[in-house]
C-alpha atoms as a PDB file:
ATOM      1  CA  MET A   1       0.337  -0.169   0.105  1.00  0.00           C
ATOM      2  CA  ILE A   2       1.401   3.477  -1.125  1.00  0.00           C
ATOM      3  CA  TYR A   3       0.888   6.414   1.216  1.00  0.00           C
ATOM      4  CA  ILE A   4       1.668   9.827   1.293  1.00  0.00           C
ATOM      5  CA  LYS A   5       1.565  11.397   4.542  1.00  0.00           C
ATOM      6  CA  PRO A   6       3.270  14.151   6.520  1.00  0.00           C
ATOM      7  CA  VAL A   7       6.795  13.374   7.957  1.00  0.00           C
ATOM      8  CA  LYS A   8       7.864  12.819  11.662  1.00  0.00           C
ATOM      9  CA  LYS A   9      11.070  14.310  12.793  1.00  0.00           C
ATOM     10  CA  ASP A  10      12.054  10.938  12.678  1.00  0.00           C
ATOM     11  CA  ASP A  11      11.800  10.617   9.356  1.00  0.00           C
ATOM     12  CA  LEU A  12      13.952  13.768   8.266  1.00  0.00           C
ATOM     13  CA  LEU A  13      17.510  11.600   8.408  1.00  0.00           C
ATOM     14  CA  LYS A  14      16.044   8.688   5.298  1.00  0.00           C
ATOM     15  CA  LEU A  15      14.832  12.355   3.354  1.00  0.00           C
ATOM     16  CA  ILE A  16      18.553  13.363   3.705  1.00  0.00           C
ATOM     17  CA  GLU A  17      19.450  10.355   1.886  1.00  0.00           C
ATOM     18  CA  ILE A  18      17.144  10.444  -0.714  1.00  0.00           C
ATOM     19  CA  GLU A  19      18.115  14.185  -1.029  1.00  0.00           C
ATOM     20  CA  LYS A  20      22.034  13.293  -1.298  1.00  0.00           C
ATOM     21  CA  ASP A  21      21.171  10.095  -4.024  1.00  0.00           C
ATOM     22  CA  VAL A  22      19.131  12.822  -6.217  1.00  0.00           C
ATOM     23  CA  PHE A  23      20.097  15.951  -6.176  1.00  0.00           C
ATOM     24  CA  ASP A  24      23.847  17.352  -7.322  1.00  0.00           C
ATOM     25  CA  TYR A  25      23.683  20.235  -4.490  1.00  0.00           C
ATOM     26  CA  SER A  26      22.092  18.598  -1.428  1.00  0.00           C
ATOM     27  CA  ALA A  27      20.289  20.497   1.254  1.00  0.00           C
ATOM     28  CA  SER A  28      21.895  19.908   5.209  1.00  0.00           C
ATOM     29  CA  ILE A  29      19.717  18.820   7.908  1.00  0.00           C
ATOM     30  CA  GLU A  30      19.444  22.234   9.536  1.00  0.00           C
ATOM     31  CA  ASP A  31      17.686  23.127   5.797  1.00  0.00           C
ATOM     32  CA  PHE A  32      15.396  20.114   6.615  1.00  0.00           C
ATOM     33  CA  ILE A  33      14.677  21.060  10.082  1.00  0.00           C
ATOM     34  CA  ASN A  34      14.459  24.051   9.460  1.00  0.00           C
ATOM     35  CA  TYR A  35      11.724  23.293   6.649  1.00  0.00           C
ATOM     36  CA  PHE A  36       9.986  20.918   9.320  1.00  0.00           C
ATOM     37  CA  ASN A  37       9.356  24.008  11.683  1.00  0.00           C
ATOM     38  CA  GLU A  38       8.108  26.728   9.359  1.00  0.00           C
ATOM     39  CA  ASP A  39       4.338  26.881   9.705  1.00  0.00           C
ATOM     40  CA  THR A  40       3.672  27.881   5.787  1.00  0.00           C
ATOM     41  CA  ILE A  41       5.531  24.745   4.679  1.00  0.00           C
ATOM     42  CA  LYS A  42       4.830  21.305   4.309  1.00  0.00           C
ATOM     43  CA  ILE A  43       7.230  17.977   3.792  1.00  0.00           C
ATOM     44  CA  TRP A  44       5.219  15.140   3.162  1.00  0.00           C
ATOM     45  CA  LYS A  45       7.017  11.892   2.480  1.00  0.00           C
ATOM     46  CA  ILE A  46       5.650   8.716   0.234  1.00  0.00           C
ATOM     47  CA  SER A  47       5.651   5.192   1.249  1.00  0.00           C
ATOM     48  CA  ASP A  48       5.489   1.713  -0.298  1.00  0.00           C
ATOM     49  CA  GLN A  49       7.001  -0.445   2.826  1.00  0.00           C
ATOM     50  CA  ILE A  50      10.011   2.274   3.497  1.00  0.00           C
ATOM     51  CA  ILE A  51      10.157   5.740   2.278  1.00  0.00           C
ATOM     52  CA  VAL A  52      10.349   6.520  -1.316  1.00  0.00           C
ATOM     53  CA  GLY A  53      10.389   9.722  -1.730  1.00  0.00           C
ATOM     54  CA  PHE A  54       9.459  13.268  -0.258  1.00  0.00           C
ATOM     55  CA  VAL A  55       7.858  16.975  -1.576  1.00  0.00           C
ATOM     56  CA  ILE A  56       8.668  20.245   0.350  1.00  0.00           C
ATOM     57  CA  PHE A  57       5.890  23.360  -0.752  1.00  0.00           C
ATOM     58  CA  TYR A  58       4.492  26.226   1.161  1.00  0.00           C
ATOM     59  CA  HIS A  59       0.921  26.385   1.332  1.00  0.00           C
ATOM     60  CA  VAL A  60      -0.019  29.923   1.806  1.00  0.00           C
ATOM     61  CA  ARG A  61      -3.286  30.536   1.453  1.00  0.00           C
ATOM     62  CA  ASP A  62      -5.137  29.481  -2.058  1.00  0.00           C
ATOM     63  CA  GLU A  63      -1.582  28.826  -3.443  1.00  0.00           C
ATOM     64  CA  ILE A  64       0.932  25.914  -3.250  1.00  0.00           C
ATOM     65  CA  GLU A  65       4.713  26.238  -4.665  1.00  0.00           C
ATOM     66  CA  ILE A  66       6.315  22.794  -4.618  1.00  0.00           C
ATOM     67  CA  ILE A  67       9.747  23.613  -2.999  1.00  0.00           C
ATOM     68  CA  LYS A  68      11.294  20.387  -4.306  1.00  0.00           C
ATOM     69  CA  ILE A  69      10.293  16.819  -4.863  1.00  0.00           C
ATOM     70  CA  GLY A  70      12.509  13.867  -4.362  1.00  0.00           C
ATOM     71  CA  ILE A  71      12.219  10.519  -5.112  1.00  0.00           C
ATOM     72  CA  MET A  72      14.791   7.432  -4.753  1.00  0.00           C
ATOM     73  CA  LYS A  73      17.014   7.355  -8.486  1.00  0.00           C
ATOM     74  CA  SER A  74      16.004   3.200  -7.770  1.00  0.00           C
ATOM     75  CA  CYS A  75      12.199   4.113  -7.355  1.00  0.00           C
ATOM     76  CA  GLN A  76      12.052   7.148 -10.413  1.00  0.00           C
ATOM     77  CA  ARG A  77       9.235   6.462 -13.350  1.00  0.00           C
ATOM     78  CA  LYS A  78       7.442   4.225 -11.150  1.00  0.00           C
ATOM     79  CA  ASN A  79       4.397   7.335 -10.688  1.00  0.00           C
ATOM     80  CA  TYR A  80       5.278   8.424  -7.283  1.00  0.00           C
ATOM     81  CA  GLY A  81       5.825  11.881  -8.506  1.00  0.00           C
ATOM     82  CA  SER A  82       2.502  11.956 -10.195  1.00  0.00           C
ATOM     83  CA  LEU A  83       1.141  10.554  -6.921  1.00  0.00           C
ATOM     84  CA  ILE A  84       2.164  13.185  -4.640  1.00  0.00           C
ATOM     85  CA  ILE A  85       0.874  15.776  -7.651  1.00  0.00           C
ATOM     86  CA  ASN A  86      -2.539  15.010  -7.669  1.00  0.00           C
ATOM     87  CA  LYS A  87      -2.054  14.705  -3.903  1.00  0.00           C
ATOM     88  CA  ILE A  88      -1.441  18.347  -3.998  1.00  0.00           C
ATOM     89  CA  LYS A  89      -3.674  19.305  -6.527  1.00  0.00           C
ATOM     90  CA  LYS A  90      -6.828  17.242  -4.017  1.00  0.00           C
ATOM     91  CA  LEU A  91      -6.067  19.669  -1.288  1.00  0.00           C
ATOM     92  CA  ASN A  92      -8.959  22.450  -0.550  1.00  0.00           C
ATOM     93  CA  ASP A  93      -9.222  25.598  -2.178  1.00  0.00           C
ATOM     94  CA  ILE A  94      -5.966  25.335  -4.294  1.00  0.00           C
ATOM     95  CA  ARG A  95      -6.328  27.464  -7.374  1.00  0.00           C
ATOM     96  CA  LYS A  96      -2.446  27.433  -8.545  1.00  0.00           C
ATOM     97  CA  ILE A  97       0.579  25.198  -7.992  1.00  0.00           C
ATOM     98  CA  PHE A  98       3.755  27.442  -9.454  1.00  0.00           C
ATOM     99  CA  LEU A  99       7.217  25.803  -9.161  1.00  0.00           C
ATOM    100  CA  GLU A 100      10.932  26.381 -10.614  1.00  0.00           C
ATOM    101  CA  VAL A 101      13.040  24.071 -12.344  1.00  0.00           C
ATOM    102  CA  SER A 102      16.622  24.175 -13.731  1.00  0.00           C
ATOM    103  CA  SER A 103      16.422  24.730 -17.426  1.00  0.00           C
ATOM    104  CA  GLU A 104      18.887  22.262 -17.853  1.00  0.00           C
ATOM    105  CA  ASN A 105      16.445  19.502 -16.144  1.00  0.00           C
ATOM    106  CA  THR A 106      14.846  17.814 -19.255  1.00  0.00           C
ATOM    107  CA  GLN A 107      13.661  15.058 -16.962  1.00  0.00           C
ATOM    108  CA  ALA A 108      11.897  17.291 -14.680  1.00  0.00           C
ATOM    109  CA  ILE A 109      10.586  19.377 -17.044  1.00  0.00           C
ATOM    110  CA  SER A 110       8.681  16.417 -19.255  1.00  0.00           C
ATOM    111  CA  PHE A 111       7.134  15.321 -15.430  1.00  0.00           C
ATOM    112  CA  TYR A 112       5.624  18.395 -14.733  1.00  0.00           C
ATOM    113  CA  LEU A 113       4.516  19.195 -18.338  1.00  0.00           C
ATOM    114  CA  LYS A 114       2.932  15.625 -18.351  1.00  0.00           C
ATOM    115  CA  ASN A 115       1.042  16.574 -15.374  1.00  0.00           C
ATOM    116  CA  ASP A 116      -0.271  19.705 -16.737  1.00  0.00           C
ATOM    117  CA  PHE A 117       1.604  22.215 -15.531  1.00  0.00           C
ATOM    118  CA  LYS A 118       3.000  25.329 -17.998  1.00  0.00           C
ATOM    119  CA  LYS A 119       5.820  27.447 -18.629  1.00  0.00           C
ATOM    120  CA  ILE A 120       5.029  30.925 -17.767  1.00  0.00           C
ATOM    121  CA  GLY A 121       8.197  32.464 -17.362  1.00  0.00           C
ATOM    122  CA  ILE A 122      12.081  32.084 -17.246  1.00  0.00           C
ATOM    123  CA  ARG A 123      14.434  33.840 -14.481  1.00  0.00           C
ATOM    124  CA  LYS A 124      17.975  33.711 -16.278  1.00  0.00           C
ATOM    125  CA  ALA A 125      20.805  32.638 -14.178  1.00  0.00           C
ATOM    126  CA  TYR A 126      18.883  31.619 -11.483  1.00  0.00           C
ATOM    127  CA  TYR A 127      21.022  28.775 -10.480  1.00  0.00           C
ATOM    128  CA  LYS A 128      24.572  28.332 -10.274  1.00  0.00           C
ATOM    129  CA  VAL A 129      26.118  25.020 -10.660  1.00  0.00           C
ATOM    130  CA  ASN A 130      29.877  24.896 -10.622  1.00  0.00           C
ATOM    131  CA  LYS A 131      30.708  28.199 -12.047  1.00  0.00           C
ATOM    132  CA  LYS A 132      28.118  27.814 -14.464  1.00  0.00           C
ATOM    133  CA  ARG A 133      24.740  29.826 -14.257  1.00  0.00           C
ATOM    134  CA  ILE A 134      21.420  28.251 -15.424  1.00  0.00           C
ATOM    135  CA  ALA A 135      18.167  29.602 -15.951  1.00  0.00           C
ATOM    136  CA  ALA A 136      15.134  28.662 -14.550  1.00  0.00           C
ATOM    137  CA  LEU A 137      11.766  27.876 -15.662  1.00  0.00           C
ATOM    138  CA  ARG A 138       8.621  28.977 -14.186  1.00  0.00           C
ATOM    139  CA  LEU A 139       5.557  26.450 -14.123  1.00  0.00           C
ATOM    140  CA  LEU A 140       2.267  26.966 -13.299  1.00  0.00           C
ATOM    141  CA  PHE A 141      -0.669  25.019 -12.929  1.00  0.00           C
ATOM    142  CA  GLU A 142      -4.389  26.410 -12.580  1.00  0.00           C
ATOM    143  CA  PHE A 143      -7.128  24.988 -11.506  1.00  0.00           C
END
């Protein structure tokens, strides 16, 4: 059975493991603790016997801004990300979901477009990776 639910503080170390597996530049345990303690930020885990992924997002009034979705590399392309997106879409009174993604992350861009997000803008030189500046695509899902 697959579950998506809020994380507990005890889950944070597993999320850090996933973070390091998935992202070249991962957040620290302190970053996750700060997210965990912030009222407007939600962290959910997706579990299928074990924790396979997570989402971190801001939820303010009728808008969501996804900060990050991380799914273990061995579990990617198995629909977990779409399950997370669909659960967020079912939250009451949500009208818009925003996010930003590296213009070079074609796998993530394809995923979000398949989940009905639309490109609404670009932030030039937004990310800095190995002294190189990379644009961020701004994406939006509207109900």
